[in-house]
C-alpha atoms as a PDB file:
ATOM      1  CA  MET A   1     -19.034 -23.642  -9.933  1.00  0.00           C
ATOM      2  CA  SER A   2     -17.097 -20.370 -10.184  1.00  0.00           C
ATOM      3  CA  LYS A   3     -13.520 -20.286  -8.959  1.00  0.00           C
ATOM      4  CA  GLU A   4     -13.969 -16.724  -7.724  1.00  0.00           C
ATOM      5  CA  ILE A   5     -15.822 -15.264  -4.771  1.00  0.00           C
ATOM      6  CA  THR A   6     -16.877 -11.723  -4.050  1.00  0.00           C
ATOM      7  CA  VAL A   7     -15.313 -10.170  -0.946  1.00  0.00           C
ATOM      8  CA  SER A   8     -16.837  -7.074   0.591  1.00  0.00           C
ATOM      9  CA  VAL A   9     -14.477  -4.935   2.661  1.00  0.00           C
ATOM     10  CA  LYS A  10     -15.317  -1.722   4.487  1.00  0.00           C
ATOM     11  CA  VAL A  11     -12.499   0.821   4.488  1.00  0.00           C
ATOM     12  CA  ASP A  12     -12.278   4.537   4.984  1.00  0.00           C
ATOM     13  CA  ARG A  13     -13.151   6.309   1.707  1.00  0.00           C
ATOM     14  CA  LYS A  14     -10.086   8.578   1.854  1.00  0.00           C
ATOM     15  CA  LEU A  15      -7.784   5.603   2.460  1.00  0.00           C
ATOM     16  CA  ALA A  16      -9.280   3.727  -0.501  1.00  0.00           C
ATOM     17  CA  GLU A  17      -8.959   6.757  -2.783  1.00  0.00           C
ATOM     18  CA  GLU A  18      -5.325   7.334  -1.775  1.00  0.00           C
ATOM     19  CA  ALA A  19      -4.546   3.651  -2.249  1.00  0.00           C
ATOM     20  CA  GLU A  20      -6.188   3.664  -5.682  1.00  0.00           C
ATOM     21  CA  ARG A  21      -3.988   6.596  -6.758  1.00  0.00           C
ATOM     22  CA  VAL A  22      -0.842   4.764  -5.663  1.00  0.00           C
ATOM     23  CA  LEU A  23      -1.916   1.430  -7.140  1.00  0.00           C
ATOM     24  CA  ASP A  24      -2.810   3.077 -10.436  1.00  0.00           C
ATOM     25  CA  LYS A  25       0.824   4.175 -10.760  1.00  0.00           C
ATOM     26  CA  VAL A  26       1.936   0.532 -10.648  1.00  0.00           C
ATOM     27  CA  GLY A  27      -0.860  -0.700 -12.904  1.00  0.00           C
ATOM     28  CA  LEU A  28      -3.079  -2.344 -10.299  1.00  0.00           C
ATOM     29  CA  ASN A  29      -6.616  -1.780  -9.098  1.00  0.00           C
ATOM     30  CA  LEU A  30      -7.872  -2.534  -5.581  1.00  0.00           C
ATOM     31  CA  SER A  31      -9.128  -6.009  -6.497  1.00  0.00           C
ATOM     32  CA  GLN A  32      -5.818  -6.966  -8.084  1.00  0.00           C
ATOM     33  CA  ALA A  33      -3.862  -5.586  -5.129  1.00  0.00           C
ATOM     34  CA  LEU A  34      -6.008  -7.509  -2.659  1.00  0.00           C
ATOM     35  CA  ALA A  35      -5.570 -10.713  -4.682  1.00  0.00           C
ATOM     36  CA  LEU A  36      -1.795 -10.112  -4.744  1.00  0.00           C
ATOM     37  CA  PHE A  37      -1.800  -9.566  -0.983  1.00  0.00           C
ATOM     38  CA  LEU A  38      -3.748 -12.798  -0.397  1.00  0.00           C
ATOM     39  CA  ARG A  39      -1.393 -14.768  -2.686  1.00  0.00           C
ATOM     40  CA  GLN A  40       1.557 -13.512  -0.640  1.00  0.00           C
ATOM     41  CA  VAL A  41      -0.202 -14.439   2.621  1.00  0.00           C
ATOM     42  CA  VAL A  42      -0.608 -17.996   1.334  1.00  0.00           C
ATOM     43  CA  LEU A  43       2.945 -18.246  -0.039  1.00  0.00           C
ATOM     44  CA  ARG A  44       4.549 -16.866   3.124  1.00  0.00           C
ATOM     45  CA  ARG A  45       2.057 -18.514   5.470  1.00  0.00           C
ATOM     46  CA  GLY A  46       1.569 -15.161   7.193  1.00  0.00           C
ATOM     47  CA  LEU A  47       1.544 -11.469   6.551  1.00  0.00           C
ATOM     48  CA  PRO A  48       3.958 -10.450   3.776  1.00  0.00           C
ATOM     49  CA  PHE A  49       5.340  -7.579   5.851  1.00  0.00           C
ATOM     50  CA  GLU A  50       6.351  -6.855   9.415  1.00  0.00           C
ATOM     51  CA  VAL A  51       3.644  -5.491  11.671  1.00  0.00           C
ATOM     52  CA  ALA A  52       5.130  -3.250  14.333  1.00  0.00           C
ATOM     53  CA  ILE A  53       4.433  -0.039  16.160  1.00  0.00           C
ATOM     54  CA  PRO A  54       6.608   2.649  14.545  1.00  0.00           C
ATOM     55  CA  ARG A  55       8.973   4.655  16.698  1.00  0.00           C
ATOM     56  CA  ASP A  56       7.681   8.117  17.537  1.00  0.00           C
ATOM     57  CA  ASP A  57      10.762   9.726  15.991  1.00  0.00           C
ATOM     58  CA  ALA A  58      10.272   7.761  12.750  1.00  0.00           C
ATOM     59  CA  LEU A  59       6.707   9.029  12.478  1.00  0.00           C
ATOM     60  CA  GLY A  60       7.893  12.567  13.102  1.00  0.00           C
ATOM     61  CA  GLU A  61      10.549  12.239  10.400  1.00  0.00           C
ATOM     62  CA  ALA A  62       8.036  10.871   7.893  1.00  0.00           C
ATOM     63  CA  ASP A  63       5.582  13.663   8.654  1.00  0.00           C
ATOM     64  CA  ALA A  64       8.330  16.264   8.317  1.00  0.00           C
ATOM     65  CA  VAL A  65       9.372  14.932   4.913  1.00  0.00           C
ATOM     66  CA  MET A  66       5.797  14.858   3.669  1.00  0.00           C
ATOM     67  CA  ASP A  67       5.115  18.373   4.977  1.00  0.00           C
ATOM     68  CA  SER A  68       8.300  19.877   3.568  1.00  0.00           C
ATOM     69  CA  LYS A  69       8.474  18.039   0.247  1.00  0.00           C
ATOM     70  CA  GLY A  70       4.877  17.379  -0.695  1.00  0.00           C
ATOM     71  CA  PHE A  71       3.626  14.222  -2.348  1.00  0.00           C
ATOM     72  CA  ASP A  72       4.882  15.046  -5.839  1.00  0.00           C
ATOM     73  CA  GLU A  73       8.481  15.485  -4.727  1.00  0.00           C
ATOM     74  CA  VAL A  74       8.392  12.357  -2.568  1.00  0.00           C
ATOM     75  CA  ASP A  75       6.898  10.378  -5.470  1.00  0.00           C
ATOM     76  CA  ALA A  76       9.677  11.680  -7.722  1.00  0.00           C
ATOM     77  CA  ARG A  77      12.329  10.648  -5.198  1.00  0.00           C
ATOM     78  CA  ILE A  78      11.071   7.056  -5.007  1.00  0.00           C
ATOM     79  CA  GLU A  79      10.234   6.738  -8.701  1.00  0.00           C
ATOM     80  CA  GLY A  80      12.389   4.047 -10.220  1.00  0.00           C
ATOM     81  CA  PHE A  81      13.303   2.590  -6.834  1.00  0.00           C
ATOM     82  CA  ASP A  82      13.268  -1.215  -6.925  1.00  0.00           C
ATOM     83  CA  PHE A  83      10.907  -2.365  -4.159  1.00  0.00           C
ATOM     84  CA  ARG A  84      11.651  -6.063  -4.672  1.00  0.00           C
END
């Protein structure tokens, strides 16, 4: 019997494409990222990140940065940042 299963997930096409672009930069595909997420769920016995409703002002700040800087500049600013 195979140790793997196939999981089918419906997500917005644009979201998946944007995620693939980001994941490609760190050397992962969607399947690998999902497997990594599930491993972390098991290890932490819950979600591996906080789930909260962002403050309105934080969303406004993030939008302003993205609008003024563009994705390339934001990517350059976080490049090399240690996310561990």
